[in-house]
PDB file of N, CA and C in Angstrom:
ATOM      1  N   MET A   1     -56.227 -22.904 -80.528  1.00  0.00           N
ATOM      2  CA  MET A   1     -57.624 -22.867 -80.157  1.00  0.00           C
ATOM      3  C   MET A   1     -58.460 -22.360 -81.329  1.00  0.00           C
ATOM      4  N   GLU A   2     -59.601 -22.958 -81.478  1.00  0.00           N
ATOM      5  CA  GLU A   2     -60.539 -22.575 -82.533  1.00  0.00           C
ATOM      6  C   GLU A   2     -61.654 -21.732 -81.922  1.00  0.00           C
ATOM      7  N   LYS A   3     -62.084 -20.713 -82.649  1.00  0.00           N
ATOM      8  CA  LYS A   3     -63.179 -19.867 -82.193  1.00  0.00           C
ATOM      9  C   LYS A   3     -64.466 -20.285 -82.877  1.00  0.00           C
ATOM     10  N   VAL A   4     -65.529 -20.397 -82.096  1.00  0.00           N
ATOM     11  CA  VAL A   4     -66.855 -20.705 -82.628  1.00  0.00           C
ATOM     12  C   VAL A   4     -67.855 -19.720 -82.030  1.00  0.00           C
ATOM     13  N   ILE A   5     -68.971 -19.566 -82.712  1.00  0.00           N
ATOM     14  CA  ILE A   5     -70.031 -18.694 -82.219  1.00  0.00           C
ATOM     15  C   ILE A   5     -71.049 -19.547 -81.478  1.00  0.00           C
ATOM     16  N   ARG A   6     -71.386 -19.123 -80.264  1.00  0.00           N
ATOM     17  CA  ARG A   6     -72.396 -19.830 -79.481  1.00  0.00           C
ATOM     18  C   ARG A   6     -73.596 -18.898 -79.309  1.00  0.00           C
ATOM     19  N   ILE A   7     -74.776 -19.466 -79.465  1.00  0.00           N
ATOM     20  CA  ILE A   7     -76.024 -18.711 -79.382  1.00  0.00           C
ATOM     21  C   ILE A   7     -76.806 -19.147 -78.153  1.00  0.00           C
ATOM     22  N   ASN A   8     -77.284 -18.178 -77.404  1.00  0.00           N
ATOM     23  CA  ASN A   8     -78.263 -18.411 -76.344  1.00  0.00           C
ATOM     24  C   ASN A   8     -79.454 -17.519 -76.693  1.00  0.00           C
ATOM     25  N   SER A   9     -80.445 -18.058 -77.340  1.00  0.00           N
ATOM     26  CA  SER A   9     -81.570 -17.268 -77.844  1.00  0.00           C
ATOM     27  C   SER A   9     -82.480 -16.716 -76.761  1.00  0.00           C
ATOM     28  N   GLU A  10     -82.376 -17.225 -75.546  1.00  0.00           N
ATOM     29  CA  GLU A  10     -83.299 -16.809 -74.487  1.00  0.00           C
ATOM     30  C   GLU A  10     -83.326 -15.295 -74.246  1.00  0.00           C
ATOM     31  N   PRO A  11     -82.172 -14.617 -74.145  1.00  0.00           N
ATOM     32  CA  PRO A  11     -82.235 -13.167 -73.908  1.00  0.00           C
ATOM     33  C   PRO A  11     -82.482 -12.328 -75.168  1.00  0.00           C
ATOM     34  N   CYS A  12     -82.606 -12.948 -76.338  1.00  0.00           N
ATOM     35  CA  CYS A  12     -82.785 -12.210 -77.599  1.00  0.00           C
ATOM     36  C   CYS A  12     -84.043 -11.349 -77.544  1.00  0.00           C
ATOM     37  N   ILE A  13     -83.911 -10.077 -77.961  1.00  0.00           N
ATOM     38  CA  ILE A  13     -85.046  -9.157 -77.968  1.00  0.00           C
ATOM     39  C   ILE A  13     -85.628  -8.984 -79.374  1.00  0.00           C
ATOM     40  N   GLY A  14     -85.064  -9.668 -80.357  1.00  0.00           N
ATOM     41  CA  GLY A  14     -85.610  -9.644 -81.714  1.00  0.00           C
ATOM     42  C   GLY A  14     -85.306  -8.386 -82.505  1.00  0.00           C
ATOM     43  N   CYS A  15     -84.265  -7.652 -82.144  1.00  0.00           N
ATOM     44  CA  CYS A  15     -83.959  -6.385 -82.810  1.00  0.00           C
ATOM     45  C   CYS A  15     -83.380  -6.578 -84.213  1.00  0.00           C
ATOM     46  N   SER A  16     -82.801  -7.722 -84.498  1.00  0.00           N
ATOM     47  CA  SER A  16     -82.185  -8.058 -85.789  1.00  0.00           C
ATOM     48  C   SER A  16     -80.976  -7.200 -86.140  1.00  0.00           C
ATOM     49  N   LEU A  17     -80.371  -6.540 -85.156  1.00  0.00           N
ATOM     50  CA  LEU A  17     -79.149  -5.778 -85.431  1.00  0.00           C
ATOM     51  C   LEU A  17     -78.032  -6.681 -85.947  1.00  0.00           C
ATOM     52  N   CYS A  18     -77.990  -7.920 -85.470  1.00  0.00           N
ATOM     53  CA  CYS A  18     -76.980  -8.860 -85.937  1.00  0.00           C
ATOM     54  C   CYS A  18     -77.134  -9.131 -87.433  1.00  0.00           C
ATOM     55  N   SER A  19     -78.348  -9.368 -87.871  1.00  0.00           N
ATOM     56  CA  SER A  19     -78.616  -9.647 -89.280  1.00  0.00           C
ATOM     57  C   SER A  19     -78.364  -8.431 -90.156  1.00  0.00           C
ATOM     58  N   LEU A  20     -78.776  -7.268 -89.687  1.00  0.00           N
ATOM     59  CA  LEU A  20     -78.577  -6.040 -90.457  1.00  0.00           C
ATOM     60  C   LEU A  20     -77.095  -5.687 -90.577  1.00  0.00           C
ATOM     61  N   THR A  21     -76.337  -5.890 -89.507  1.00  0.00           N
ATOM     62  CA  THR A  21     -74.899  -5.638 -89.544  1.00  0.00           C
ATOM     63  C   THR A  21     -74.218  -6.595 -90.511  1.00  0.00           C
ATOM     64  N   CYS A  22     -74.620  -7.841 -90.483  1.00  0.00           N
ATOM     65  CA  CYS A  22     -74.081  -8.850 -91.401  1.00  0.00           C
ATOM     66  C   CYS A  22     -74.367  -8.456 -92.847  1.00  0.00           C
ATOM     67  N   SER A  23     -75.574  -8.053 -93.117  1.00  0.00           N
ATOM     68  CA  SER A  23     -75.964  -7.666 -94.468  1.00  0.00           C
ATOM     69  C   SER A  23     -75.162  -6.468 -94.965  1.00  0.00           C
ATOM     70  N   MET A  24     -74.986  -5.469 -94.112  1.00  0.00           N
ATOM     71  CA  MET A  24     -74.208  -4.287 -94.493  1.00  0.00           C
ATOM     72  C   MET A  24     -72.734  -4.637 -94.717  1.00  0.00           C
ATOM     73  N   THR A  25     -72.199  -5.509 -93.883  1.00  0.00           N
ATOM     74  CA  THR A  25     -70.782  -5.872 -93.973  1.00  0.00           C
ATOM     75  C   THR A  25     -70.477  -6.651 -95.240  1.00  0.00           C
ATOM     76  N   TRP A  26     -71.298  -7.631 -95.558  1.00  0.00           N
ATOM     77  CA  TRP A  26     -70.961  -8.547 -96.644  1.00  0.00           C
ATOM     78  C   TRP A  26     -71.680  -8.262 -97.956  1.00  0.00           C
ATOM     79  N   ASN A  27     -72.825  -7.592 -97.904  1.00  0.00           N
ATOM     80  CA  ASN A  27     -73.588  -7.353 -99.136  1.00  0.00           C
ATOM     81  C   ASN A  27     -73.767  -5.874 -99.451  1.00  0.00           C
ATOM     82  N   HIS A  28     -73.284  -5.010 -98.555  1.00  0.00           N
ATOM     83  CA  HIS A  28     -73.429  -3.558 -98.723  1.00  0.00           C
ATOM     84  C   HIS A  28     -74.880  -3.182 -98.991  1.00  0.00           C
ATOM     85  N   ASN A  29     -75.772  -3.883 -98.294  1.00  0.00           N
ATOM     86  CA  ASN A  29     -77.208  -3.696 -98.457  1.00  0.00           C
ATOM     87  C   ASN A  29     -77.847  -3.798 -97.067  1.00  0.00           C
ATOM     88  N   TYR A  30     -78.669  -2.832 -96.724  1.00  0.00           N
ATOM     89  CA  TYR A  30     -79.314  -2.822 -95.416  1.00  0.00           C
ATOM     90  C   TYR A  30     -80.639  -3.571 -95.512  1.00  0.00           C
ATOM     91  N   GLY A  31     -80.594  -4.879 -95.286  1.00  0.00           N
ATOM     92  CA  GLY A  31     -81.795  -5.698 -95.384  1.00  0.00           C
ATOM     93  C   GLY A  31     -81.590  -7.043 -94.720  1.00  0.00           C
ATOM     94  N   LEU A  32     -82.675  -7.761 -94.559  1.00  0.00           N
ATOM     95  CA  LEU A  32     -82.630  -9.046 -93.863  1.00  0.00           C
ATOM     96  C   LEU A  32     -82.602 -10.251 -94.797  1.00  0.00           C
ATOM     97  N   ASN A  33     -82.655 -10.030 -96.094  1.00  0.00           N
ATOM     98  CA  ASN A  33     -82.752 -11.148 -97.028  1.00  0.00           C
ATOM     99  C   ASN A  33     -81.411 -11.781 -97.381  1.00  0.00           C
ATOM    100  N   GLU A  34     -80.340 -11.022 -97.299  1.00  0.00           N
ATOM    101  CA  GLU A  34     -79.043 -11.542 -97.712  1.00  0.00           C
ATOM    102  C   GLU A  34     -78.025 -11.428 -96.588  1.00  0.00           C
ATOM    103  N   CYS A  35     -78.218 -12.206 -95.540  1.00  0.00           N
ATOM    104  CA  CYS A  35     -77.284 -12.191 -94.423  1.00  0.00           C
ATOM    105  C   CYS A  35     -77.007 -13.627 -93.987  1.00  0.00           C
ATOM    106  N   HIS A  36     -76.039 -13.778 -93.116  1.00  0.00           N
ATOM    107  CA  HIS A  36     -75.579 -15.102 -92.689  1.00  0.00           C
ATOM    108  C   HIS A  36     -76.056 -15.468 -91.288  1.00  0.00           C
ATOM    109  N   ILE A  37     -76.965 -14.671 -90.756  1.00  0.00           N
ATOM    110  CA  ILE A  37     -77.542 -14.929 -89.439  1.00  0.00           C
ATOM    111  C   ILE A  37     -79.020 -14.548 -89.497  1.00  0.00           C
ATOM    112  N   THR A  38     -79.866 -15.368 -88.907  1.00  0.00           N
ATOM    113  CA  THR A  38     -81.303 -15.091 -88.944  1.00  0.00           C
ATOM    114  C   THR A  38     -81.878 -15.010 -87.537  1.00  0.00           C
ATOM    115  N   VAL A  39     -82.908 -14.178 -87.408  1.00  0.00           N
ATOM    116  CA  VAL A  39     -83.648 -14.054 -86.159  1.00  0.00           C
ATOM    117  C   VAL A  39     -85.107 -14.338 -86.496  1.00  0.00           C
ATOM    118  N   LYS A  40     -85.675 -15.352 -85.849  1.00  0.00           N
ATOM    119  CA  LYS A  40     -87.065 -15.743 -86.120  1.00  0.00           C
ATOM    120  C   LYS A  40     -87.890 -15.631 -84.853  1.00  0.00           C
ATOM    121  N   ARG A  41     -89.095 -15.115 -84.984  1.00  0.00           N
ATOM    122  CA  ARG A  41     -90.023 -15.054 -83.856  1.00  0.00           C
ATOM    123  C   ARG A  41     -90.621 -16.442 -83.663  1.00  0.00           C
ATOM    124  N   LEU A  42     -90.586 -16.920 -82.428  1.00  0.00           N
ATOM    125  CA  LEU A  42     -91.117 -18.251 -82.119  1.00  0.00           C
ATOM    126  C   LEU A  42     -92.584 -18.228 -81.724  1.00  0.00           C
ATOM    127  N   ASP A  43     -93.004 -17.168 -81.033  1.00  0.00           N
ATOM    128  CA  ASP A  43     -94.373 -17.119 -80.547  1.00  0.00           C
ATOM    129  C   ASP A  43     -94.789 -15.669 -80.336  1.00  0.00           C
ATOM    130  N   LEU A  44     -95.974 -15.464 -79.860  1.00  0.00           N
ATOM    131  CA  LEU A  44     -96.473 -14.111 -79.628  1.00  0.00           C
ATOM    132  C   LEU A  44     -96.038 -13.540 -78.281  1.00  0.00           C
ATOM    133  N   GLU A  45     -95.309 -14.327 -77.502  1.00  0.00           N
ATOM    134  CA  GLU A  45     -94.860 -13.879 -76.188  1.00  0.00           C
ATOM    135  C   GLU A  45     -93.485 -13.227 -76.233  1.00  0.00           C
ATOM    136  N   GLY A  46     -92.937 -13.016 -77.415  1.00  0.00           N
ATOM    137  CA  GLY A  46     -91.661 -12.329 -77.544  1.00  0.00           C
ATOM    138  C   GLY A  46     -90.434 -13.202 -77.441  1.00  0.00           C
ATOM    139  N   ARG A  47     -90.569 -14.465 -77.771  1.00  0.00           N
ATOM    140  CA  ARG A  47     -89.407 -15.354 -77.785  1.00  0.00           C
ATOM    141  C   ARG A  47     -88.884 -15.453 -79.216  1.00  0.00           C
ATOM    142  N   PHE A  48     -87.560 -15.457 -79.353  1.00  0.00           N
ATOM    143  CA  PHE A  48     -86.931 -15.478 -80.664  1.00  0.00           C
ATOM    144  C   PHE A  48     -85.887 -16.576 -80.740  1.00  0.00           C
ATOM    145  N   GLU A  49     -85.573 -16.981 -81.967  1.00  0.00           N
ATOM    146  CA  GLU A  49     -84.529 -17.968 -82.208  1.00  0.00           C
ATOM    147  C   GLU A  49     -83.504 -17.342 -83.149  1.00  0.00           C
ATOM    148  N   VAL A  50     -82.242 -17.393 -82.748  1.00  0.00           N
ATOM    149  CA  VAL A  50     -81.153 -16.870 -83.565  1.00  0.00           C
ATOM    150  C   VAL A  50     -80.410 -18.056 -84.151  1.00  0.00           C
ATOM    151  N   GLU A  51     -80.127 -17.984 -85.452  1.00  0.00           N
ATOM    152  CA  GLU A  51     -79.436 -19.084 -86.112  1.00  0.00           C
ATOM    153  C   GLU A  51     -78.313 -18.539 -86.987  1.00  0.00           C
ATOM    154  N   ILE A  52     -77.126 -19.094 -86.820  1.00  0.00           N
ATOM    155  CA  ILE A  52     -75.980 -18.778 -87.674  1.00  0.00           C
ATOM    156  C   ILE A  52     -76.009 -19.771 -88.837  1.00  0.00           C
ATOM    157  N   LEU A  53     -76.008 -19.262 -90.057  1.00  0.00           N
ATOM    158  CA  LEU A  53     -76.046 -20.122 -91.231  1.00  0.00           C
ATOM    159  C   LEU A  53     -74.659 -20.668 -91.556  1.00  0.00           C
ATOM    160  N   ASP A  54     -74.619 -21.742 -92.334  1.00  0.00           N
ATOM    161  CA  ASP A  54     -73.348 -22.358 -92.728  1.00  0.00           C
ATOM    162  C   ASP A  54     -72.495 -21.419 -93.569  1.00  0.00           C
ATOM    163  N   THR A  55     -73.104 -20.411 -94.160  1.00  0.00           N
ATOM    164  CA  THR A  55     -72.383 -19.470 -95.013  1.00  0.00           C
ATOM    165  C   THR A  55     -71.683 -18.365 -94.223  1.00  0.00           C
ATOM    166  N   CYS A  56     -71.782 -18.388 -92.908  1.00  0.00           N
ATOM    167  CA  CYS A  56     -71.197 -17.357 -92.038  1.00  0.00           C
ATOM    168  C   CYS A  56     -69.705 -17.183 -92.332  1.00  0.00           C
ATOM    169  N   LYS A  57     -69.271 -15.929 -92.410  1.00  0.00           N
ATOM    170  CA  LYS A  57     -67.880 -15.598 -92.717  1.00  0.00           C
ATOM    171  C   LYS A  57     -67.002 -15.486 -91.466  1.00  0.00           C
ATOM    172  N   ARG A  58     -67.582 -15.601 -90.286  1.00  0.00           N
ATOM    173  CA  ARG A  58     -66.883 -15.547 -89.000  1.00  0.00           C
ATOM    174  C   ARG A  58     -66.136 -14.224 -88.790  1.00  0.00           C
ATOM    175  N   CYS A  59     -66.802 -13.118 -89.110  1.00  0.00           N
ATOM    176  CA  CYS A  59     -66.221 -11.798 -88.843  1.00  0.00           C
ATOM    177  C   CYS A  59     -66.516 -11.360 -87.416  1.00  0.00           C
ATOM    178  N   TYR A  60     -67.488 -11.981 -86.779  1.00  0.00           N
ATOM    179  CA  TYR A  60     -67.882 -11.759 -85.385  1.00  0.00           C
ATOM    180  C   TYR A  60     -68.458 -10.369 -85.108  1.00  0.00           C
ATOM    181  N   LYS A  61     -68.869  -9.650 -86.123  1.00  0.00           N
ATOM    182  CA  LYS A  61     -69.480  -8.339 -85.908  1.00  0.00           C
ATOM    183  C   LYS A  61     -70.840  -8.469 -85.231  1.00  0.00           C
ATOM    184  N   CYS A  62     -71.524  -9.578 -85.462  1.00  0.00           N
ATOM    185  CA  CYS A  62     -72.817  -9.820 -84.813  1.00  0.00           C
ATOM    186  C   CYS A  62     -72.650  -9.910 -83.300  1.00  0.00           C
ATOM    187  N   VAL A  63     -71.527 -10.462 -82.866  1.00  0.00           N
ATOM    188  CA  VAL A  63     -71.248 -10.599 -81.432  1.00  0.00           C
ATOM    189  C   VAL A  63     -71.096  -9.220 -80.793  1.00  0.00           C
ATOM    190  N   ARG A  64     -70.367  -8.348 -81.469  1.00  0.00           N
ATOM    191  CA  ARG A  64     -70.105  -7.010 -80.920  1.00  0.00           C
ATOM    192  C   ARG A  64     -71.347  -6.117 -80.925  1.00  0.00           C
ATOM    193  N   ILE A  65     -72.275  -6.314 -81.863  1.00  0.00           N
ATOM    194  CA  ILE A  65     -73.428  -5.417 -81.998  1.00  0.00           C
ATOM    195  C   ILE A  65     -74.623  -5.868 -81.156  1.00  0.00           C
ATOM    196  N   CYS A  66     -74.675  -7.113 -80.738  1.00  0.00           N
ATOM    197  CA  CYS A  66     -75.848  -7.650 -80.036  1.00  0.00           C
ATOM    198  C   CYS A  66     -76.052  -6.956 -78.676  1.00  0.00           C
ATOM    199  N   PRO A  67     -77.182  -6.248 -78.493  1.00  0.00           N
ATOM    200  CA  PRO A  67     -77.420  -5.535 -77.239  1.00  0.00           C
ATOM    201  C   PRO A  67     -77.812  -6.446 -76.071  1.00  0.00           C
ATOM    202  N   SER A  68     -78.240  -7.665 -76.366  1.00  0.00           N
ATOM    203  CA  SER A  68     -78.663  -8.564 -75.286  1.00  0.00           C
ATOM    204  C   SER A  68     -77.633  -9.656 -74.989  1.00  0.00           C
ATOM    205  N   SER A  69     -76.503  -9.612 -75.667  1.00  0.00           N
ATOM    206  CA  SER A  69     -75.394 -10.560 -75.447  1.00  0.00           C
ATOM    207  C   SER A  69     -75.808 -12.016 -75.607  1.00  0.00           C
ATOM    208  N   CYS A  70     -76.686 -12.285 -76.542  1.00  0.00           N
ATOM    209  CA  CYS A  70     -77.087 -13.685 -76.753  1.00  0.00           C
ATOM    210  C   CYS A  70     -76.172 -14.397 -77.757  1.00  0.00           C
ATOM    211  N   ILE A  71     -75.255 -13.644 -78.374  1.00  0.00           N
ATOM    212  CA  ILE A  71     -74.286 -14.221 -79.311  1.00  0.00           C
ATOM    213  C   ILE A  71     -72.909 -14.007 -78.706  1.00  0.00           C
ATOM    214  N   GLU A  72     -72.122 -15.079 -78.607  1.00  0.00           N
ATOM    215  CA  GLU A  72     -70.794 -14.932 -78.028  1.00  0.00           C
ATOM    216  C   GLU A  72     -69.782 -15.799 -78.757  1.00  0.00           C
ATOM    217  N   ILE A  73     -68.520 -15.413 -78.620  1.00  0.00           N
ATOM    218  CA  ILE A  73     -67.416 -16.181 -79.181  1.00  0.00           C
ATOM    219  C   ILE A  73     -66.880 -17.093 -78.089  1.00  0.00           C
ATOM    220  N   VAL A  74     -66.698 -18.355 -78.432  1.00  0.00           N
ATOM    221  CA  VAL A  74     -66.174 -19.334 -77.480  1.00  0.00           C
ATOM    222  C   VAL A  74     -64.963 -19.998 -78.120  1.00  0.00           C
ATOM    223  N   GLU A  75     -63.900 -20.125 -77.363  1.00  0.00           N
ATOM    224  CA  GLU A  75     -62.722 -20.826 -77.839  1.00  0.00           C
ATOM    225  C   GLU A  75     -62.796 -22.281 -77.401  1.00  0.00           C
ATOM    226  N   ILE A  76     -62.587 -23.180 -78.346  1.00  0.00           N
ATOM    227  CA  ILE A  76     -62.589 -24.607 -78.029  1.00  0.00           C
ATOM    228  C   ILE A  76     -61.216 -25.174 -78.360  1.00  0.00           C
ATOM    229  N   GLN A  77     -60.850 -26.207 -77.642  1.00  0.00           N
ATOM    230  CA  GLN A  77     -59.564 -26.848 -77.875  1.00  0.00           C
ATOM    231  C   GLN A  77     -59.621 -27.665 -79.150  1.00  0.00           C
ATOM    232  N   ASP A  78     -58.530 -27.607 -79.908  1.00  0.00           N
ATOM    233  CA  ASP A  78     -58.399 -28.488 -81.065  1.00  0.00           C
ATOM    234  C   ASP A  78     -58.176 -29.904 -80.552  1.00  0.00           C
ATOM    235  N   SER A  79     -58.520 -30.909 -81.339  1.00  0.00           N
ATOM    236  CA  SER A  79     -58.362 -32.298 -80.904  1.00  0.00           C
ATOM    237  C   SER A  79     -56.882 -32.630 -80.676  1.00  0.00           C
ATOM    238  N   GLN A  80     -55.971 -31.928 -81.345  1.00  0.00           N
ATOM    239  CA  GLN A  80     -54.542 -32.194 -81.161  1.00  0.00           C
ATOM    240  C   GLN A  80     -54.039 -31.679 -79.830  1.00  0.00           C
ATOM    241  N   ASP A  81     -54.736 -30.737 -79.205  1.00  0.00           N
ATOM    242  CA  ASP A  81     -54.307 -30.156 -77.943  1.00  0.00           C
ATOM    243  C   ASP A  81     -54.758 -30.954 -76.737  1.00  0.00           C
ATOM    244  N   LYS A  82     -55.530 -31.991 -76.906  1.00  0.00           N
ATOM    245  CA  LYS A  82     -56.131 -32.722 -75.788  1.00  0.00           C
ATOM    246  C   LYS A  82     -55.204 -33.814 -75.280  1.00  0.00           C
ATOM    247  N   GLY A  83     -54.311 -33.479 -74.389  1.00  0.00           N
ATOM    248  CA  GLY A  83     -53.504 -34.453 -73.671  1.00  0.00           C
ATOM    249  C   GLY A  83     -52.704 -35.416 -74.509  1.00  0.00           C
ATOM    250  N   GLY A  84     -52.115 -34.967 -75.594  1.00  0.00           N
ATOM    251  CA  GLY A  84     -51.234 -35.827 -76.359  1.00  0.00           C
ATOM    252  C   GLY A  84     -51.883 -36.667 -77.431  1.00  0.00           C
ATOM    253  N   LEU A  85     -53.142 -36.435 -77.741  1.00  0.00           N
ATOM    254  CA  LEU A  85     -53.762 -37.187 -78.826  1.00  0.00           C
ATOM    255  C   LEU A  85     -53.070 -36.838 -80.139  1.00  0.00           C
ATOM    256  N   ASN A  86     -53.011 -37.762 -81.050  1.00  0.00           N
ATOM    257  CA  ASN A  86     -52.374 -37.575 -82.360  1.00  0.00           C
ATOM    258  C   ASN A  86     -50.907 -37.192 -82.239  1.00  0.00           C
ATOM    259  N   GLY A  87     -50.257 -37.770 -81.311  1.00  0.00           N
ATOM    260  CA  GLY A  87     -48.816 -37.530 -81.230  1.00  0.00           C
ATOM    261  C   GLY A  87     -48.439 -37.011 -79.943  1.00  0.00           C
TER     262      GLY A  87
END
């Protein structure tokens, strides 16, 4: 099984703890400019969009730190595991 990160931005509160944790883990810098996950404000009503960048290292620390549980790990089946495909 392969693990992927799934985002549901609806419950996001815009705290950016995911981005800050990513920055500290990989860049040893507490900032939002050099991280692998972004949080953007969509409107003035408090809606946010969370995006995992292609450069993500898949350490999953963002999943553990998110207070609103809008980031989660999901296991998906590999194509070889689907009922005998590829052999």
